[in-house]
Amino acid sequence: MSPFASVILPTLNRSSTLKYSLASVQNQTERDLEILLVLDGATEACRDIANAAAADDSRIEVLDLPKSHGQGAHSIDHAVRSARSERIFYIDDDDLWLPSHVAHLAPLLENADIADSRVCSLDRHGRLHLTPCAASNERMRRLLGRETRQKLIYDTHIAHRKDSYGVISHWLCNGPTKWAVWNFLIGFALDPACRWMSCDQVTAVSIHGAARRDFTPSERASEISLFFESLSDFDTALSEASVLFNLFRLLILDAPRDESFVDYMLAHGGYEIASSGGRERALFSLFTCFPPDQDVAVVLAGELAEPVESGYMFESIALVYFEAYGQDTHEEILLRSAAETGPNKAARLAAYSVALFRRDRPAACEIARKAIEIGPDPVGAIAHWLDRISQCG
């Protein structure tokens, strides 16, 4: 008999976090699982963890594969085609599922090709962040399919039917980006025949490695272990994290219909509220739907940059401006903000913005160098970019 769901957990070298991600799968309230541990040219430490877990849990099958090209897409594709269940789930080897993740998403697949839960992520300061929109929202699906470098959702939060794999999208499909997982999700988003459903609940937590490039393995293990142990108290933590998110929704619901929504949000500090604590996803939704005029946007760029403390999040604000105003205008706004608000974090927004679209490399390099002098550059994002294009002069 086929298992109720197949879970694909690929790993390469994150032995310090792998056992916690795996344990969160093993602890699901839905017990009838096939757990495919995909060793994509994995280290011996990851191999030892996988084999030991398989010896103790008959639900686990280890797929010991050579390193595939790029981001492991061939290995994941192999795992999907090997899966015995019609319901396919994914989790990264440094993320966590809440115990009810499978139980919440699986019923949606009865009437959908793909399903997702509300994205929740843990920043490097231990704060939870929520996305304000579900992927089945038509606007979010359109944005996902555009090359705005806003992925919006992650594979840890999605599940799909196996019979839609290869028909609607697959891990080896060509797409507009260099990231296999993003192209995979874009394939679902752009197919008009694809049935995509979302649940409003948080069922998983992403703990992004990109924001933790400076963490040692022991630091990553300490972080994920503390959060894993507190999953039973997650509702309390989520309630605290949801204060700004709920306030954002309240502002939208309470806004009078007979006056400008933008004026209302400006008067009540709505844009600042949406960005406070680095909740750039709420800001993204608000700005793209109701962008203020350019002069106000210049001032807001400096103000919105101030609470950004979570490493790479400053670049997301630059992308919010791009989506709201277009390429040329958003660069003008951010560069004006950097000039008018002085040497603060707005300069870093401008540096990333110009860098992203390769408009004026020498000017962008100069802004970036000044931004590094101002600091901080928490995860070395600016320094990394400067190193890549050091030939610009």
Protein backbone atom coordinates (compact mmCIF):
# COMPACT_ATOMS: atom_id res chain seq x y z
CA MET A 1 0.00 0.00 0.00
CA SER A 2 1.27 3.48 -0.84
CA PRO A 3 2.10 5.83 2.04
CA PHE A 4 -0.17 8.77 2.70
CA ALA A 5 2.55 11.28 1.77
CA SER A 6 6.13 11.28 0.53
CA VAL A 7 8.54 13.80 2.04
CA ILE A 8 11.70 14.81 0.19
CA LEU A 9 14.55 16.14 2.32
CA PRO A 10 17.71 16.88 0.29
CA THR A 11 21.01 17.51 2.05
CA LEU A 12 24.60 18.29 1.17
CA ASN A 13 26.64 19.56 4.12
CA ARG A 14 24.36 20.92 6.85
CA SER A 15 24.95 18.18 9.38
CA SER A 16 24.52 20.65 12.24
CA THR A 17 20.86 21.31 11.34
CA LEU A 18 19.83 18.16 9.45
CA LYS A 19 18.79 16.10 12.48
CA TYR A 20 16.38 18.82 13.67
CA SER A 21 14.73 19.22 10.27
CA LEU A 22 14.38 15.46 10.01
CA ALA A 23 12.98 15.19 13.53
CA SER A 24 10.29 17.76 12.72
CA VAL A 25 9.19 15.48 9.86
CA GLN A 26 9.25 12.37 12.03
CA ASN A 27 7.11 14.16 14.63
CA GLN A 28 4.21 14.84 12.25
CA THR A 29 0.75 14.01 13.52
CA GLU A 30 0.25 12.18 10.21
CA ARG A 31 2.41 9.11 10.79
CA ASP A 32 1.98 7.29 7.45
CA LEU A 33 4.91 8.93 5.68
CA GLU A 34 7.62 7.91 3.26
CA ILE A 35 10.68 10.05 4.14
CA LEU A 36 13.20 10.25 1.31
CA LEU A 37 16.54 11.52 2.58
CA VAL A 38 18.31 12.66 -0.58
CA LEU A 39 22.10 12.70 -0.18
CA ASP A 40 23.19 14.94 -3.04
CA GLY A 41 26.90 14.17 -2.84
CA ALA A 42 26.53 14.70 0.91
CA THR A 43 29.34 14.83 3.44
CA GLU A 44 30.16 11.83 5.61
CA ALA A 45 28.63 13.60 8.61
CA CYS A 46 25.28 13.96 6.81
CA ARG A 47 25.52 10.39 5.54
CA ASP A 48 26.07 9.09 9.08
CA ILE A 49 23.03 10.99 10.38
CA ALA A 50 20.86 9.71 7.53
CA ASN A 51 21.89 6.08 7.85
CA ALA A 52 21.50 6.10 11.63
CA ALA A 53 18.01 7.61 11.33
CA ALA A 54 17.00 5.05 8.68
CA ALA A 55 18.13 2.22 10.93
CA ASP A 56 15.79 3.49 13.67
CA ASP A 57 12.80 4.52 11.55
CA SER A 58 11.50 2.22 8.82
CA ARG A 59 9.74 5.13 7.13
CA ILE A 60 13.10 6.61 6.10
CA GLU A 61 14.77 5.67 2.82
CA VAL A 62 18.24 7.02 2.05
CA LEU A 63 18.93 7.92 -1.58
CA ASP A 64 22.72 8.14 -1.66
CA LEU A 65 23.39 9.96 -4.95
CA PRO A 66 26.45 11.64 -6.43
CA LYS A 67 26.46 15.43 -6.44
CA SER A 68 24.20 16.63 -9.22
CA HIS A 69 24.84 19.71 -11.27
CA GLY A 70 23.95 23.05 -9.72
CA GLN A 71 21.47 23.09 -6.85
CA GLY A 72 20.67 19.40 -6.61
CA ALA A 73 17.72 19.56 -9.01
CA HIS A 74 18.56 16.23 -10.67
CA SER A 75 18.70 14.45 -7.32
CA ILE A 76 15.39 15.96 -6.22
CA ASP A 77 13.82 15.06 -9.57
CA HIS A 78 15.00 11.48 -9.06
CA ALA A 79 13.42 11.44 -5.59
CA VAL A 80 10.06 12.76 -6.83
CA ARG A 81 9.90 10.12 -9.55
CA SER A 82 10.84 7.45 -6.99
CA ALA A 83 8.20 8.55 -4.47
CA ARG A 84 5.39 6.09 -3.80
CA SER A 85 2.74 8.55 -2.65
CA GLU A 86 0.56 10.84 -4.73
CA ARG A 87 1.21 13.67 -2.22
CA ILE A 88 4.70 15.17 -2.44
CA PHE A 89 6.14 17.38 0.30
CA TYR A 90 9.52 19.12 0.66
CA ILE A 91 11.62 20.46 3.51
CA ASP A 92 15.08 22.03 3.46
CA ASP A 93 17.73 20.62 5.78
CA ASP A 94 17.79 23.78 7.90
CA ASP A 95 14.03 24.41 8.22
CA LEU A 96 11.37 23.10 10.59
CA TRP A 97 7.83 21.83 10.23
CA LEU A 98 5.19 22.24 12.88
CA PRO A 99 3.62 18.87 13.79
CA SER A 100 0.45 19.56 11.77
CA HIS A 101 2.13 20.60 8.49
CA VAL A 102 1.17 17.50 6.50
CA ALA A 103 -2.24 17.28 8.14
CA HIS A 104 -3.09 20.84 7.07
CA LEU A 105 -1.79 20.79 3.50
CA ALA A 106 -2.67 17.25 2.38
CA PRO A 107 -6.48 17.76 2.27
CA LEU A 108 -6.03 20.72 -0.09
CA LEU A 109 -4.42 18.42 -2.65
CA GLU A 110 -7.73 16.63 -3.11
CA ASN A 111 -8.84 19.61 -5.22
CA ALA A 112 -5.54 21.26 -6.13
CA ASP A 113 -2.35 20.54 -8.03
CA ILE A 114 -0.22 22.49 -5.54
CA ALA A 115 -0.83 23.87 -2.06
CA ASP A 116 1.04 26.16 0.29
CA SER A 117 0.81 27.46 3.83
CA ARG A 118 1.51 30.99 5.03
CA VAL A 119 5.24 31.64 4.92
CA CYS A 120 6.89 32.19 8.27
CA SER A 121 10.62 32.78 8.62
CA LEU A 122 13.05 33.23 11.47
CA ASP A 123 15.53 36.07 11.06
CA ARG A 124 19.08 36.05 12.43
CA HIS A 125 17.93 37.96 15.50
CA GLY A 126 15.40 35.31 16.51
CA ARG A 127 12.31 37.19 15.31
CA LEU A 128 9.49 35.60 13.33
CA HIS A 129 8.25 37.20 10.10
CA LEU A 130 4.99 36.46 8.31
CA THR A 131 4.01 36.98 4.71
CA PRO A 132 0.75 38.91 4.30
CA CYS A 133 -0.41 37.09 1.18
CA ALA A 134 -1.00 33.51 0.15
CA ALA A 135 0.37 32.25 -3.17
CA SER A 136 -3.05 31.27 -4.48
CA ASN A 137 -3.89 34.97 -4.50
CA GLU A 138 -3.83 35.77 -8.22
CA ARG A 139 -1.61 38.82 -7.73
CA MET A 140 0.94 36.79 -5.81
CA ARG A 141 0.95 34.15 -8.54
CA ARG A 142 1.61 36.82 -11.17
CA LEU A 143 4.43 38.34 -9.11
CA LEU A 144 5.95 34.92 -8.56
CA GLY A 145 6.09 34.46 -12.31
CA ARG A 146 7.88 37.75 -12.91
CA GLU A 147 11.62 38.15 -12.59
CA THR A 148 11.49 40.61 -9.70
CA ARG A 149 13.75 38.49 -7.49
CA GLN A 150 10.94 38.19 -4.98
CA LYS A 151 10.34 34.48 -4.64
CA LEU A 152 7.55 35.03 -2.09
CA ILE A 153 7.29 31.37 -1.06
CA TYR A 154 9.69 28.50 -0.41
CA ASP A 155 9.65 24.79 -1.11
CA THR A 156 9.47 24.00 2.63
CA HIS A 157 5.95 25.51 2.64
CA ILE A 158 4.50 23.75 -0.39
CA ALA A 159 3.15 20.35 -1.46
CA HIS A 160 1.93 19.10 -4.81
CA ARG A 161 0.31 16.11 -6.44
CA LYS A 162 2.66 13.68 -8.11
CA ASP A 163 0.44 13.45 -11.18
CA SER A 164 0.95 17.18 -11.78
CA TYR A 165 4.73 16.75 -11.74
CA GLY A 166 6.15 16.87 -15.24
CA VAL A 167 2.77 17.92 -16.60
CA ILE A 168 2.63 21.39 -15.06
CA SER A 169 6.20 21.83 -13.79
CA HIS A 170 9.26 19.89 -12.73
CA TRP A 171 12.65 20.47 -11.09
CA LEU A 172 14.61 20.35 -14.34
CA CYS A 173 12.50 22.83 -16.28
CA ASN A 174 14.10 25.87 -17.84
CA GLY A 175 12.98 29.19 -16.42
CA PRO A 176 13.79 32.87 -16.19
CA THR A 177 16.02 32.57 -13.11
CA LYS A 178 19.18 30.70 -12.16
CA TRP A 179 17.50 29.01 -9.19
CA ALA A 180 15.96 25.60 -9.82
CA VAL A 181 13.41 25.86 -7.02
CA TRP A 182 12.21 29.22 -8.23
CA ASN A 183 11.80 28.01 -11.83
CA PHE A 184 9.95 24.99 -10.44
CA LEU A 185 7.47 27.22 -8.58
CA ILE A 186 7.16 29.64 -11.50
CA GLY A 187 6.06 26.73 -13.68
CA PHE A 188 3.08 26.14 -11.40
CA ALA A 189 2.34 29.85 -11.03
CA LEU A 190 2.21 30.61 -14.75
CA ASP A 191 0.12 27.65 -15.88
CA PRO A 192 -3.48 28.95 -16.08
CA ALA A 193 -4.79 25.42 -15.70
CA CYS A 194 -2.92 24.87 -12.44
CA ARG A 195 -5.18 24.62 -9.40
CA TRP A 196 -3.32 26.34 -6.53
CA MET A 197 -4.78 26.44 -3.03
CA SER A 198 -3.44 27.99 0.17
CA CYS A 199 -4.14 27.64 3.85
CA ASP A 200 -3.92 30.72 6.05
CA GLN A 201 -2.18 28.95 8.88
CA VAL A 202 1.54 28.81 9.60
CA THR A 203 2.69 25.19 9.44
CA ALA A 204 6.43 25.55 8.80
CA VAL A 205 9.33 27.88 9.59
CA SER A 206 12.11 28.81 7.17
CA ILE A 207 15.50 29.51 8.74
CA HIS A 208 17.39 30.95 5.78
CA GLY A 209 21.03 30.02 5.33
CA ALA A 210 21.63 33.10 3.15
CA ALA A 211 21.22 35.37 6.16
CA ARG A 212 23.53 33.18 8.22
CA ARG A 213 26.58 32.92 6.03
CA ASP A 214 28.70 34.16 8.92
CA PHE A 215 27.30 31.60 11.41
CA THR A 216 29.49 28.67 12.43
CA PRO A 217 27.95 25.16 12.33
CA SER A 218 27.74 25.16 16.12
CA GLU A 219 25.93 28.51 16.09
CA ARG A 220 23.43 27.21 13.55
CA ALA A 221 22.91 24.05 15.61
CA SER A 222 22.35 26.09 18.76
CA GLU A 223 19.82 28.35 17.02
CA ILE A 224 17.73 25.61 15.42
CA SER A 225 17.83 23.39 18.51
CA LEU A 226 16.44 26.17 20.71
CA PHE A 227 13.64 26.83 18.26
CA PHE A 228 12.95 23.12 17.76
CA GLU A 229 12.55 22.69 21.51
CA SER A 230 10.12 25.63 21.64
CA LEU A 231 7.83 24.40 18.84
CA SER A 232 5.29 23.39 21.47
CA ASP A 233 5.10 27.07 22.48
CA PHE A 234 4.95 28.23 18.89
CA ASP A 235 1.44 29.64 19.13
CA THR A 236 2.62 32.11 21.76
CA ALA A 237 5.67 33.10 19.73
CA LEU A 238 3.55 33.46 16.61
CA SER A 239 1.05 35.62 18.46
CA GLU A 240 3.83 37.99 19.45
CA ALA A 241 5.21 38.02 15.89
CA SER A 242 1.76 38.70 14.47
CA VAL A 243 1.17 42.01 16.24
CA LEU A 244 2.40 44.17 13.35
CA PHE A 245 0.92 41.84 10.76
CA ASN A 246 -2.50 42.05 12.38
CA LEU A 247 -2.18 45.80 12.79
CA PHE A 248 -1.43 46.06 9.07
CA ARG A 249 -4.58 44.13 8.22
CA LEU A 250 -6.60 46.21 10.67
CA LEU A 251 -5.47 49.43 8.97
CA ILE A 252 -6.59 48.10 5.60
CA LEU A 253 -9.96 46.93 6.91
CA ASP A 254 -10.61 50.13 8.86
CA ALA A 255 -9.53 52.57 6.16
CA PRO A 256 -12.43 54.77 5.08
CA ARG A 257 -13.61 54.17 1.54
CA ASP A 258 -14.34 57.83 0.79
CA GLU A 259 -10.79 59.15 0.99
CA SER A 260 -7.40 58.31 -0.46
CA PHE A 261 -6.08 55.09 1.02
CA VAL A 262 -2.52 56.33 0.49
CA ASP A 263 -3.26 59.52 2.44
CA TYR A 264 -4.87 57.45 5.18
CA MET A 265 -1.85 55.17 5.47
CA LEU A 266 0.55 58.10 5.48
CA ALA A 267 -1.45 59.85 8.21
CA HIS A 268 -1.48 56.71 10.35
CA GLY A 269 2.11 55.65 9.70
CA GLY A 270 1.00 52.59 7.79
CA TYR A 271 4.12 52.29 5.63
CA GLU A 272 6.42 52.55 8.64
CA ILE A 273 4.31 50.02 10.54
CA ALA A 274 4.52 47.58 7.66
CA SER A 275 8.33 47.73 7.64
CA SER A 276 8.92 47.86 11.39
CA GLY A 277 11.03 44.96 12.53
CA GLY A 278 11.98 44.04 8.97
CA ARG A 279 8.56 42.81 7.89
CA GLU A 280 9.33 43.64 4.29
CA ARG A 281 6.66 41.31 2.92
CA ALA A 282 3.90 43.44 4.44
CA LEU A 283 5.63 46.50 3.02
CA PHE A 284 5.86 44.82 -0.39
CA SER A 285 2.12 44.16 -0.48
CA LEU A 286 1.26 47.66 0.72
CA PHE A 287 3.61 49.59 -1.55
CA THR A 288 2.81 47.68 -4.72
CA CYS A 289 -0.93 48.16 -4.19
CA PHE A 290 -0.85 51.74 -2.89
CA PRO A 291 2.43 53.50 -3.72
CA PRO A 292 2.77 57.12 -2.45
CA ASP A 293 3.91 59.88 -4.78
CA GLN A 294 7.60 60.13 -5.56
CA ASP A 295 8.47 62.99 -3.20
CA VAL A 296 6.92 61.13 -0.29
CA ALA A 297 8.62 57.92 -1.42
CA VAL A 298 12.02 59.66 -1.24
CA VAL A 299 11.44 60.59 2.41
CA LEU A 300 10.00 57.17 3.25
CA ALA A 301 13.04 55.40 1.78
CA GLY A 302 15.24 56.92 4.47
CA GLU A 303 12.72 56.28 7.24
CA LEU A 304 11.99 52.72 6.16
CA ALA A 305 15.69 51.89 6.03
CA GLU A 306 16.19 52.65 9.70
CA PRO A 307 14.48 49.57 11.22
CA VAL A 308 16.11 47.18 8.77
CA GLU A 309 18.47 45.11 10.87
CA SER A 310 18.20 41.62 9.48
CA GLY A 311 21.07 41.35 7.06
CA TYR A 312 19.78 41.00 3.52
CA MET A 313 16.40 42.66 4.11
CA PHE A 314 17.60 46.06 2.90
CA GLU A 315 17.71 44.67 -0.62
CA SER A 316 14.08 43.59 -0.37
CA ILE A 317 13.02 47.18 0.28
CA ALA A 318 14.85 48.23 -2.88
CA LEU A 319 12.82 45.61 -4.74
CA VAL A 320 9.62 46.93 -3.21
CA TYR A 321 10.42 50.27 -4.82
CA PHE A 322 11.22 48.61 -8.14
CA GLU A 323 7.89 46.80 -8.23
CA ALA A 324 5.98 49.96 -7.25
CA TYR A 325 7.67 52.52 -9.51
CA GLY A 326 9.54 50.71 -12.27
CA GLN A 327 13.23 50.50 -13.03
CA ASP A 328 14.23 54.07 -13.85
CA THR A 329 11.98 55.80 -11.33
CA HIS A 330 12.83 53.56 -8.40
CA GLU A 331 16.54 54.13 -8.93
CA GLU A 332 15.96 57.89 -9.07
CA ILE A 333 13.94 57.78 -5.84
CA LEU A 334 16.49 55.73 -3.92
CA LEU A 335 19.45 57.75 -5.15
CA ARG A 336 17.64 60.97 -4.21
CA SER A 337 16.93 59.50 -0.79
CA ALA A 338 20.58 58.59 -0.28
CA ALA A 339 21.60 62.15 -1.23
CA GLU A 340 18.91 63.95 0.79
CA THR A 341 18.86 61.88 3.96
CA GLY A 342 22.62 61.73 4.45
CA PRO A 343 24.95 58.76 4.94
CA ASN A 344 22.55 56.22 6.40
CA LYS A 345 21.10 52.89 5.38
CA ALA A 346 19.24 54.45 2.47
CA ALA A 347 22.59 54.57 0.69
CA ARG A 348 22.76 50.80 0.97
CA LEU A 349 19.32 50.50 -0.59
CA ALA A 350 20.44 52.66 -3.49
CA ALA A 351 23.63 50.66 -3.91
CA TYR A 352 21.78 47.39 -4.19
CA SER A 353 19.16 48.86 -6.48
CA VAL A 354 21.69 50.18 -8.98
CA ALA A 355 23.73 46.98 -8.75
CA LEU A 356 20.73 44.79 -9.44
CA PHE A 357 19.94 46.34 -12.80
CA ARG A 358 23.53 47.22 -13.83
CA ARG A 359 22.54 50.78 -14.67
CA ASP A 360 25.62 52.65 -13.51
CA ARG A 361 28.27 50.37 -12.08
CA PRO A 362 30.87 53.02 -11.21
CA ALA A 363 28.30 55.10 -9.33
CA ALA A 364 26.91 52.03 -7.61
CA CYS A 365 30.39 50.91 -6.57
CA GLU A 366 31.09 54.32 -5.06
CA ILE A 367 27.82 54.28 -3.11
CA ALA A 368 28.51 50.74 -1.95
CA ARG A 369 32.01 51.63 -0.75
CA LYS A 370 30.61 54.53 1.25
CA ALA A 371 27.89 52.28 2.63
CA ILE A 372 30.49 49.76 3.85
CA GLU A 373 32.39 52.55 5.56
CA ILE A 374 29.17 53.59 7.28
CA GLY A 375 28.32 49.99 8.16
CA PRO A 376 27.22 47.62 9.27
CA ASP A 377 27.17 45.02 6.50
CA PRO A 378 25.80 42.12 8.63
CA VAL A 379 26.15 39.25 6.18
CA GLY A 380 28.70 40.75 3.82
CA ALA A 381 26.17 41.25 1.03
CA ILE A 382 27.57 44.57 -0.14
CA ALA A 383 31.17 43.42 0.14
CA HIS A 384 30.30 40.27 -1.82
CA TRP A 385 28.69 42.31 -4.60
CA LEU A 386 31.64 44.71 -4.75
CA ASP A 387 34.05 41.80 -5.04
CA ARG A 388 32.08 40.36 -7.97
CA ILE A 389 32.21 43.52 -10.01
CA SER A 390 35.51 44.97 -8.79
CA GLN A 391 36.50 45.54 -12.40
CA CYS A 392 34.03 48.42 -12.73
CA GLY A 393 36.58 50.98 -11.48
